[in-house]
């Protein structure tokens, strides 16, 4: 693939990253909602630190995808 991308392709890639980031944020929020419901039912014995850590890492990845998608969509330099 040639670099830099053509502007139309870069906007499409930006939209795809925005969509993927939004869907991942939505999924993580639903997952955290289930964890919170389980915490309410079972108490602190139902919490697993590995699951919470994975959810937080996915949330960070989703926010980075949103940031990259926003910058690609606006035509800014996406290489940091």
N, C-alpha and C. Protein backbone atom coordinates (compact mmCIF):
# COMPACT_ATOMS: atom_id res chain seq x y z
N UNK A 1 0.85 -1.16 0.00
CA UNK A 1 0.00 0.00 0.00
C UNK A 1 0.90 1.23 0.00
N UNK A 2 0.52 2.18 -0.84
CA UNK A 2 1.31 3.40 -0.89
C UNK A 2 1.00 4.29 0.30
N UNK A 3 1.98 5.03 0.69
CA UNK A 3 1.82 5.93 1.83
C UNK A 3 2.29 7.30 1.40
N UNK A 4 1.63 8.36 1.61
CA UNK A 4 0.37 8.50 2.33
C UNK A 4 -0.82 8.09 1.46
N UNK A 5 -1.91 7.80 2.11
CA UNK A 5 -3.12 7.41 1.41
C UNK A 5 -3.73 8.60 0.67
N UNK A 6 -4.48 8.29 -0.38
CA UNK A 6 -5.21 9.35 -1.07
C UNK A 6 -6.23 9.94 -0.10
N UNK A 7 -6.61 11.19 -0.26
CA UNK A 7 -7.54 11.82 0.69
C UNK A 7 -8.88 11.08 0.81
N UNK A 8 -9.41 10.59 -0.29
CA UNK A 8 -10.70 9.88 -0.20
C UNK A 8 -10.55 8.57 0.57
N UNK A 9 -9.45 7.88 0.35
CA UNK A 9 -9.20 6.63 1.08
C UNK A 9 -8.94 6.92 2.55
N UNK A 10 -8.23 8.00 2.83
CA UNK A 10 -7.94 8.36 4.21
C UNK A 10 -9.23 8.70 4.96
N UNK A 11 -10.18 9.38 4.31
CA UNK A 11 -11.46 9.67 4.95
C UNK A 11 -12.25 8.40 5.22
N UNK A 12 -12.21 7.46 4.26
CA UNK A 12 -12.90 6.18 4.46
C UNK A 12 -12.29 5.41 5.62
N UNK A 13 -10.98 5.37 5.69
CA UNK A 13 -10.29 4.69 6.80
C UNK A 13 -10.64 5.38 8.12
N UNK A 14 -10.72 6.70 8.10
CA UNK A 14 -11.11 7.43 9.29
C UNK A 14 -12.51 7.07 9.75
N UNK A 15 -13.45 6.98 8.82
CA UNK A 15 -14.82 6.59 9.17
C UNK A 15 -14.85 5.18 9.75
N UNK A 16 -14.08 4.28 9.16
CA UNK A 16 -14.07 2.90 9.65
C UNK A 16 -13.49 2.81 11.06
N UNK A 17 -12.43 3.58 11.32
CA UNK A 17 -11.87 3.60 12.67
C UNK A 17 -12.85 4.21 13.66
N UNK A 18 -13.55 5.28 13.25
CA UNK A 18 -14.55 5.88 14.13
C UNK A 18 -15.66 4.89 14.45
N UNK A 19 -16.14 4.19 13.44
CA UNK A 19 -17.20 3.20 13.64
C UNK A 19 -16.73 2.07 14.55
N UNK A 20 -15.54 1.54 14.27
CA UNK A 20 -15.01 0.44 15.09
C UNK A 20 -14.76 0.89 16.52
N UNK A 21 -14.23 2.08 16.71
CA UNK A 21 -13.99 2.59 18.05
C UNK A 21 -15.28 2.80 18.82
N UNK A 22 -16.30 3.35 18.14
CA UNK A 22 -17.59 3.56 18.79
C UNK A 22 -18.22 2.23 19.20
N UNK A 23 -18.18 1.25 18.30
CA UNK A 23 -18.76 -0.06 18.62
C UNK A 23 -18.00 -0.74 19.76
N UNK A 24 -16.68 -0.57 19.79
CA UNK A 24 -15.91 -1.17 20.87
C UNK A 24 -16.20 -0.48 22.20
N UNK A 25 -16.36 0.85 22.18
CA UNK A 25 -16.75 1.56 23.41
C UNK A 25 -18.11 1.07 23.89
N UNK A 26 -19.05 0.92 22.96
CA UNK A 26 -20.37 0.44 23.32
C UNK A 26 -20.31 -0.97 23.91
N UNK A 27 -19.51 -1.85 23.31
CA UNK A 27 -19.37 -3.21 23.83
C UNK A 27 -18.73 -3.25 25.20
N UNK A 28 -17.71 -2.43 25.40
CA UNK A 28 -17.04 -2.39 26.71
C UNK A 28 -17.99 -1.86 27.78
N UNK A 29 -18.77 -0.85 27.43
CA UNK A 29 -19.72 -0.31 28.40
C UNK A 29 -20.78 -1.35 28.77
N UNK A 30 -21.25 -2.10 27.79
CA UNK A 30 -22.20 -3.18 28.10
C UNK A 30 -21.55 -4.24 28.98
N UNK A 31 -20.31 -4.56 28.67
CA UNK A 31 -19.59 -5.56 29.47
C UNK A 31 -19.40 -5.08 30.90
N UNK A 32 -19.04 -3.81 31.07
CA UNK A 32 -18.88 -3.26 32.41
C UNK A 32 -20.22 -3.19 33.14
N UNK A 33 -21.30 -2.99 32.39
CA UNK A 33 -22.62 -3.02 32.99
C UNK A 33 -22.95 -4.40 33.55
N UNK A 34 -22.58 -5.44 32.83
CA UNK A 34 -22.80 -6.80 33.30
C UNK A 34 -21.94 -7.07 34.53
N UNK A 35 -20.70 -6.60 34.52
CA UNK A 35 -19.82 -6.79 35.68
C UNK A 35 -20.40 -6.06 36.89
N UNK A 36 -20.93 -4.86 36.68
CA UNK A 36 -21.52 -4.11 37.79
C UNK A 36 -22.76 -4.82 38.34
N UNK A 37 -23.58 -5.35 37.45
CA UNK A 37 -24.76 -6.09 37.88
C UNK A 37 -24.35 -7.32 38.69
N UNK A 38 -23.31 -8.02 38.22
CA UNK A 38 -22.81 -9.19 38.94
C UNK A 38 -22.26 -8.77 40.31
N UNK A 39 -21.60 -7.62 40.37
CA UNK A 39 -21.09 -7.11 41.65
C UNK A 39 -22.25 -6.82 42.60
N UNK A 40 -23.33 -6.27 42.10
CA UNK A 40 -24.49 -5.98 42.93
C UNK A 40 -25.13 -7.26 43.47
N UNK A 41 -25.13 -8.32 42.67
CA UNK A 41 -25.76 -9.57 43.08
C UNK A 41 -24.89 -10.41 44.01
N UNK A 42 -23.62 -10.54 43.68
CA UNK A 42 -22.73 -11.47 44.38
C UNK A 42 -21.86 -10.76 45.41
N UNK A 43 -21.49 -9.52 45.13
CA UNK A 43 -20.58 -8.80 46.00
C UNK A 43 -19.17 -8.82 45.44
N UNK A 44 -18.21 -8.48 46.26
CA UNK A 44 -16.83 -8.37 45.77
C UNK A 44 -16.22 -9.73 45.41
N UNK A 45 -16.84 -10.82 45.83
CA UNK A 45 -16.33 -12.14 45.46
C UNK A 45 -16.52 -12.42 43.97
N UNK A 46 -17.48 -11.74 43.35
CA UNK A 46 -17.74 -11.96 41.93
C UNK A 46 -16.82 -11.20 41.01
N UNK A 47 -16.05 -10.25 41.54
CA UNK A 47 -15.14 -9.47 40.70
C UNK A 47 -13.86 -10.24 40.42
N UNK A 48 -13.43 -10.15 39.18
CA UNK A 48 -12.17 -10.77 38.78
C UNK A 48 -11.30 -9.67 38.19
N UNK A 49 -10.12 -9.51 38.75
CA UNK A 49 -9.26 -8.41 38.32
C UNK A 49 -8.82 -8.57 36.87
N UNK A 50 -8.66 -9.78 36.41
CA UNK A 50 -8.26 -9.99 35.01
C UNK A 50 -9.30 -9.49 34.03
N UNK A 51 -10.57 -9.73 34.35
CA UNK A 51 -11.64 -9.28 33.49
C UNK A 51 -11.75 -7.75 33.48
N UNK A 52 -11.58 -7.14 34.64
CA UNK A 52 -11.61 -5.68 34.72
C UNK A 52 -10.43 -5.05 33.98
N UNK A 53 -9.25 -5.65 34.12
CA UNK A 53 -8.08 -5.14 33.43
C UNK A 53 -8.25 -5.24 31.92
N UNK A 54 -8.78 -6.36 31.45
CA UNK A 54 -9.02 -6.53 30.02
C UNK A 54 -10.03 -5.51 29.52
N UNK A 55 -11.06 -5.24 30.29
CA UNK A 55 -12.06 -4.25 29.89
C UNK A 55 -11.44 -2.86 29.80
N UNK A 56 -10.59 -2.51 30.75
CA UNK A 56 -9.94 -1.20 30.72
C UNK A 56 -8.97 -1.08 29.55
N UNK A 57 -8.27 -2.16 29.24
CA UNK A 57 -7.36 -2.14 28.09
C UNK A 57 -8.15 -1.99 26.78
N UNK A 58 -9.29 -2.66 26.69
CA UNK A 58 -10.13 -2.52 25.50
C UNK A 58 -10.68 -1.10 25.40
N UNK A 59 -11.01 -0.49 26.52
CA UNK A 59 -11.50 0.89 26.51
C UNK A 59 -10.41 1.84 26.03
N UNK A 60 -9.19 1.64 26.47
CA UNK A 60 -8.07 2.47 26.00
C UNK A 60 -7.86 2.28 24.50
N UNK A 61 -7.92 1.04 24.04
CA UNK A 61 -7.77 0.77 22.60
C UNK A 61 -8.89 1.43 21.81
N UNK A 62 -10.10 1.40 22.32
CA UNK A 62 -11.23 2.03 21.63
C UNK A 62 -11.04 3.54 21.54
N UNK A 63 -10.57 4.15 22.61
CA UNK A 63 -10.33 5.59 22.59
C UNK A 63 -9.21 5.96 21.62
N UNK A 64 -8.20 5.13 21.53
CA UNK A 64 -7.13 5.37 20.56
C UNK A 64 -7.65 5.22 19.13
N UNK A 65 -8.54 4.25 18.91
CA UNK A 65 -9.13 4.09 17.58
C UNK A 65 -9.98 5.31 17.22
N UNK A 66 -10.74 5.82 18.18
CA UNK A 66 -11.54 7.01 17.94
C UNK A 66 -10.63 8.21 17.62
N UNK A 67 -9.55 8.34 18.35
CA UNK A 67 -8.62 9.45 18.11
C UNK A 67 -8.00 9.35 16.73
N UNK A 68 -7.55 8.16 16.35
CA UNK A 68 -6.94 7.98 15.04
C UNK A 68 -7.97 8.23 13.94
N UNK A 69 -9.17 7.70 14.12
CA UNK A 69 -10.22 7.90 13.12
C UNK A 69 -10.58 9.35 12.96
N UNK A 70 -10.66 10.09 14.07
CA UNK A 70 -10.99 11.50 14.00
C UNK A 70 -9.91 12.28 13.26
N UNK A 71 -8.66 11.97 13.58
CA UNK A 71 -7.56 12.67 12.92
C UNK A 71 -7.46 12.31 11.45
N UNK A 72 -7.70 11.05 11.10
CA UNK A 72 -7.66 10.64 9.70
C UNK A 72 -8.81 11.27 8.93
N UNK A 73 -9.95 11.36 9.56
CA UNK A 73 -11.13 11.95 8.92
C UNK A 73 -10.92 13.44 8.64
N UNK A 74 -10.27 14.12 9.55
CA UNK A 74 -10.06 15.56 9.41
C UNK A 74 -8.87 15.88 8.49
N UNK A 75 -8.09 14.86 8.12
CA UNK A 75 -6.97 15.09 7.23
C UNK A 75 -5.70 15.50 7.94
N UNK A 76 -5.69 15.38 9.27
CA UNK A 76 -4.48 15.73 10.02
C UNK A 76 -3.46 14.59 9.92
N UNK A 77 -2.23 14.91 10.29
CA UNK A 77 -1.18 13.90 10.28
C UNK A 77 -1.47 12.87 11.37
N UNK A 78 -1.54 11.60 11.01
CA UNK A 78 -1.89 10.55 11.96
C UNK A 78 -0.68 9.83 12.50
N UNK A 79 0.51 10.17 12.05
CA UNK A 79 1.73 9.52 12.52
C UNK A 79 2.25 10.30 13.72
N UNK A 80 2.32 9.65 14.87
CA UNK A 80 2.80 10.31 16.08
C UNK A 80 4.19 9.86 16.43
